[in-house]
C-alpha atoms as a PDB file:
ATOM      1  CA  MET A   1       0.002   0.007  -0.013  1.00  0.00           C
ATOM      2  CA  ALA A   2       2.807   2.404   0.847  1.00  0.00           C
ATOM      3  CA  ASN A   3       4.369   1.745  -2.586  1.00  0.00           C
ATOM      4  CA  ARG A   4       1.103   2.652  -4.337  1.00  0.00           C
ATOM      5  CA  VAL A   5       0.865   5.882  -2.383  1.00  0.00           C
ATOM      6  CA  LEU A   6       4.491   6.699  -3.222  1.00  0.00           C
ATOM      7  CA  VAL A   7       3.893   6.012  -6.928  1.00  0.00           C
ATOM      8  CA  PHE A   8       0.754   8.143  -6.846  1.00  0.00           C
ATOM      9  CA  ILE A   9       2.674  11.032  -5.255  1.00  0.00           C
ATOM     10  CA  VAL A  10       5.495  10.783  -7.804  1.00  0.00           C
ATOM     11  CA  VAL A  11       3.038  10.665 -10.750  1.00  0.00           C
ATOM     12  CA  LEU A  12       1.051  13.572  -9.308  1.00  0.00           C
ATOM     13  CA  GLY A  13       4.268  15.570  -8.869  1.00  0.00           C
ATOM     14  CA  CYS A  14       5.361  14.908 -12.456  1.00  0.00           C
ATOM     15  CA  TRP A  15       1.923  15.840 -13.769  1.00  0.00           C
ATOM     16  CA  THR A  16       1.853  19.016 -11.699  1.00  0.00           C
ATOM     17  CA  SER A  17       5.321  19.992 -12.992  1.00  0.00           C
ATOM     18  CA  ALA A  18       4.216  19.361 -16.583  1.00  0.00           C
ATOM     19  CA  VAL A  19       1.084  21.433 -16.145  1.00  0.00           C
ATOM     20  CA  SER A  20       2.954  24.333 -14.519  1.00  0.00           C
ATOM     21  CA  ALA A  21       5.449  24.315 -17.437  1.00  0.00           C
ATOM     22  CA  ALA A  22       2.666  24.787 -19.935  1.00  0.00           C
ATOM     23  CA  LEU A  23       3.363  26.004 -23.439  1.00  0.00           C
ATOM     24  CA  THR A  24       2.707  29.614 -24.209  1.00  0.00           C
ATOM     25  CA  ALA A  25       2.393  31.510 -27.468  1.00  0.00           C
ATOM     26  CA  ASP A  26       5.094  33.951 -26.338  1.00  0.00           C
ATOM     27  CA  PHE A  27       7.648  31.326 -25.285  1.00  0.00           C
ATOM     28  CA  TYR A  28      10.317  32.510 -27.744  1.00  0.00           C
ATOM     29  CA  ASP A  29       9.779  36.232 -27.147  1.00  0.00           C
ATOM     30  CA  GLY A  30      12.535  36.229 -24.510  1.00  0.00           C
ATOM     31  CA  THR A  31      14.993  33.873 -26.161  1.00  0.00           C
ATOM     32  CA  CYS A  32      14.522  34.841 -29.806  1.00  0.00           C
ATOM     33  CA  PRO A  33      12.309  37.869 -30.389  1.00  0.00           C
ATOM     34  CA  GLY A  34      10.872  37.839 -33.885  1.00  0.00           C
ATOM     35  CA  ALA A  35      11.250  34.107 -34.498  1.00  0.00           C
ATOM     36  CA  ILE A  36       7.507  33.547 -34.868  1.00  0.00           C
ATOM     37  CA  GLU A  37       7.225  36.425 -37.328  1.00  0.00           C
ATOM     38  CA  GLU A  38      10.077  34.992 -39.400  1.00  0.00           C
ATOM     39  CA  ILE A  39       8.247  31.640 -39.594  1.00  0.00           C
ATOM     40  CA  ASN A  40       5.112  33.463 -40.727  1.00  0.00           C
ATOM     41  CA  LYS A  41       6.943  35.367 -43.479  1.00  0.00           C
ATOM     42  CA  VAL A  42       8.314  32.185 -45.052  1.00  0.00           C
ATOM     43  CA  VAL A  43       4.986  30.366 -44.770  1.00  0.00           C
ATOM     44  CA  VAL A  44       2.988  33.224 -46.306  1.00  0.00           C
ATOM     45  CA  LYS A  45       5.455  33.459 -49.198  1.00  0.00           C
ATOM     46  CA  ALA A  46       5.249  29.682 -49.791  1.00  0.00           C
ATOM     47  CA  VAL A  47       1.437  29.604 -49.682  1.00  0.00           C
ATOM     48  CA  GLU A  48       1.143  32.639 -51.979  1.00  0.00           C
ATOM     49  CA  HIS A  49       3.450  30.887 -54.429  1.00  0.00           C
ATOM     50  CA  GLU A  50       1.571  27.568 -54.132  1.00  0.00           C
ATOM     51  CA  PRO A  51      -1.656  27.501 -52.087  1.00  0.00           C
ATOM     52  CA  ARG A  52      -1.588  23.685 -51.824  1.00  0.00           C
ATOM     53  CA  MET A  53       1.554  24.015 -49.697  1.00  0.00           C
ATOM     54  CA  ALA A  54      -0.694  24.963 -46.791  1.00  0.00           C
ATOM     55  CA  ALA A  55      -2.153  21.453 -46.746  1.00  0.00           C
ATOM     56  CA  SER A  56       1.313  19.944 -47.054  1.00  0.00           C
ATOM     57  CA  LEU A  57       2.582  21.857 -44.014  1.00  0.00           C
ATOM     58  CA  VAL A  58      -0.461  20.873 -41.967  1.00  0.00           C
ATOM     59  CA  ARG A  59       0.094  17.252 -43.030  1.00  0.00           C
ATOM     60  CA  LEU A  60       3.733  17.358 -41.928  1.00  0.00           C
ATOM     61  CA  HIS A  61       2.659  18.633 -38.509  1.00  0.00           C
ATOM     62  CA  PHE A  62      -0.141  16.078 -38.227  1.00  0.00           C
ATOM     63  CA  HIS A  63       2.169  13.172 -39.003  1.00  0.00           C
ATOM     64  CA  ASP A  64       4.775  14.466 -36.594  1.00  0.00           C
ATOM     65  CA  TYR A  65       2.230  14.742 -33.797  1.00  0.00           C
ATOM     66  CA  PHE A  66       0.267  11.601 -34.588  1.00  0.00           C
ATOM     67  CA  VAL A  67       3.046   9.010 -34.775  1.00  0.00           C
ATOM     68  CA  MET A  68       4.999   9.401 -31.528  1.00  0.00           C
ATOM     69  CA  GLY A  69       4.432  12.951 -30.316  1.00  0.00           C
ATOM     70  CA  CYS A  70       5.822  16.273 -31.435  1.00  0.00           C
ATOM     71  CA  ASP A  71       9.499  15.542 -31.966  1.00  0.00           C
ATOM     72  CA  ALA A  72      10.003  16.463 -35.640  1.00  0.00           C
ATOM     73  CA  SER A  73      11.180  12.911 -36.364  1.00  0.00           C
ATOM     74  CA  ASN A  74       9.444  13.021 -39.754  1.00  0.00           C
ATOM     75  CA  LEU A  75      12.052  15.605 -40.840  1.00  0.00           C
ATOM     76  CA  LEU A  76      15.016  13.284 -40.368  1.00  0.00           C
ATOM     77  CA  ASP A  77      16.908  12.330 -43.506  1.00  0.00           C
ATOM     78  CA  GLU A  78      17.669   8.656 -44.080  1.00  0.00           C
ATOM     79  CA  THR A  79      21.213   7.402 -43.583  1.00  0.00           C
ATOM     80  CA  PRO A  80      22.804   4.074 -44.534  1.00  0.00           C
ATOM     81  CA  LEU A  81      22.290   2.963 -40.928  1.00  0.00           C
ATOM     82  CA  MET A  82      18.837   4.419 -40.281  1.00  0.00           C
ATOM     83  CA  LYS A  83      15.521   4.300 -42.118  1.00  0.00           C
ATOM     84  CA  THR A  84      13.248   7.262 -41.460  1.00  0.00           C
ATOM     85  CA  GLU A  85       9.608   8.241 -41.845  1.00  0.00           C
ATOM     86  CA  LYS A  86      10.550  10.745 -44.529  1.00  0.00           C
ATOM     87  CA  THR A  87      11.267   8.076 -47.138  1.00  0.00           C
ATOM     88  CA  THR A  88       8.891   5.299 -46.137  1.00  0.00           C
ATOM     89  CA  PRO A  89       6.698   4.105 -49.028  1.00  0.00           C
ATOM     90  CA  PRO A  90       3.560   5.968 -47.810  1.00  0.00           C
ATOM     91  CA  ASN A  91       5.519   9.235 -47.564  1.00  0.00           C
ATOM     92  CA  ASN A  92       8.086   8.869 -50.320  1.00  0.00           C
ATOM     93  CA  ASN A  93       7.236  11.302 -53.138  1.00  0.00           C
ATOM     94  CA  PHE A  94       3.990  12.165 -51.374  1.00  0.00           C
ATOM     95  CA  ALA A  95       4.912  14.166 -48.247  1.00  0.00           C
ATOM     96  CA  ARG A  96       5.888  17.662 -49.318  1.00  0.00           C
ATOM     97  CA  GLY A  97       7.006  20.881 -47.693  1.00  0.00           C
ATOM     98  CA  PHE A  98      10.317  19.691 -46.272  1.00  0.00           C
ATOM     99  CA  GLU A  99      12.168  22.406 -48.197  1.00  0.00           C
ATOM    100  CA  ILE A 100       9.891  25.063 -46.644  1.00  0.00           C
ATOM    101  CA  ILE A 101      10.688  23.774 -43.149  1.00  0.00           C
ATOM    102  CA  ASP A 102      14.398  23.742 -44.015  1.00  0.00           C
ATOM    103  CA  GLU A 103      14.137  27.340 -45.219  1.00  0.00           C
ATOM    104  CA  ILE A 104      12.296  28.358 -42.055  1.00  0.00           C
ATOM    105  CA  LYS A 105      14.893  26.659 -39.862  1.00  0.00           C
ATOM    106  CA  ALA A 106      17.742  28.482 -41.645  1.00  0.00           C
ATOM    107  CA  VAL A 107      15.981  31.869 -41.406  1.00  0.00           C
ATOM    108  CA  VAL A 108      15.069  31.414 -37.755  1.00  0.00           C
ATOM    109  CA  ASP A 109      18.520  30.155 -36.753  1.00  0.00           C
ATOM    110  CA  LYS A 110      20.043  33.211 -38.436  1.00  0.00           C
ATOM    111  CA  LYS A 111      17.545  35.544 -36.689  1.00  0.00           C
ATOM    112  CA  CYS A 112      18.238  33.962 -33.275  1.00  0.00           C
ATOM    113  CA  GLY A 113      21.983  33.722 -33.795  1.00  0.00           C
ATOM    114  CA  ARG A 114      21.915  30.037 -32.924  1.00  0.00           C
ATOM    115  CA  PRO A 115      19.619  27.015 -33.276  1.00  0.00           C
ATOM    116  CA  ILE A 116      17.237  27.685 -30.399  1.00  0.00           C
ATOM    117  CA  VAL A 117      13.769  27.149 -31.920  1.00  0.00           C
ATOM    118  CA  SER A 118      12.952  23.462 -32.127  1.00  0.00           C
ATOM    119  CA  CYS A 119      11.919  21.827 -35.386  1.00  0.00           C
ATOM    120  CA  ALA A 120       8.791  20.498 -33.693  1.00  0.00           C
ATOM    121  CA  ASP A 121       7.818  24.063 -32.753  1.00  0.00           C
ATOM    122  CA  ILE A 122       8.549  25.235 -36.284  1.00  0.00           C
ATOM    123  CA  LEU A 123       6.238  22.517 -37.632  1.00  0.00           C
ATOM    124  CA  ALA A 124       3.462  23.557 -35.251  1.00  0.00           C
ATOM    125  CA  VAL A 125       3.740  27.291 -35.972  1.00  0.00           C
ATOM    126  CA  ALA A 126       4.119  26.716 -39.716  1.00  0.00           C
ATOM    127  CA  ALA A 127       0.958  24.594 -39.780  1.00  0.00           C
ATOM    128  CA  ARG A 128      -0.949  27.240 -37.884  1.00  0.00           C
ATOM    129  CA  ASP A 129       0.309  30.030 -40.122  1.00  0.00           C
ATOM    130  CA  ALA A 130      -0.363  27.969 -43.256  1.00  0.00           C
ATOM    131  CA  ILE A 131      -4.033  27.659 -42.351  1.00  0.00           C
ATOM    132  CA  VAL A 132      -4.318  31.393 -41.786  1.00  0.00           C
ATOM    133  CA  ALA A 133      -2.352  32.158 -44.963  1.00  0.00           C
ATOM    134  CA  VAL A 134      -4.468  29.936 -47.202  1.00  0.00           C
ATOM    135  CA  LEU A 135      -7.702  31.310 -45.776  1.00  0.00           C
ATOM    136  CA  SER A 136      -6.451  34.857 -46.389  1.00  0.00           C
ATOM    137  CA  TYR A 137      -5.287  33.895 -49.876  1.00  0.00           C
ATOM    138  CA  SER A 138      -8.604  32.205 -50.659  1.00  0.00           C
ATOM    139  CA  SER A 139     -10.695  35.168 -49.578  1.00  0.00           C
ATOM    140  CA  THR A 140      -8.491  37.510 -51.593  1.00  0.00           C
ATOM    141  CA  CYS A 141      -8.544  35.212 -54.600  1.00  0.00           C
ATOM    142  CA  ILE A 142     -12.332  34.910 -54.572  1.00  0.00           C
ATOM    143  CA  ASN A 143     -12.536  38.659 -55.000  1.00  0.00           C
ATOM    144  CA  SER A 144      -9.818  39.118 -57.576  1.00  0.00           C
ATOM    145  CA  CYS A 145      -8.579  35.884 -59.174  1.00  0.00           C
END
């Protein structure tokens, strides 16, 4: 019985710590001001160039989140010693948008002066911004395309 109580206390403590360290939309404001805006600029440019890219960026985020949590593992390139999600038959020549994420990562790392923004966060913000960008593009296009 004492072991169960101890396990419960440990689990409760871990859960409480996780909840108190909740994610916030302004997380990078202190460590890399302007990072979120840089992500948005690249995403808007990509969606304006090719509106279908919005769906591709959302798909990349979905598959990152759905498989084993948000760790950006679907961005890993294959090596001779490691197979990755990126080139598995369901994704090979079907998943798109990797070059946009690579561009975002380069721009954000330059803005921050070092690689501080995680690829998983870039995927999440890019997916969010892609939805907003395509909705803005669509409403503009309906009136003038």
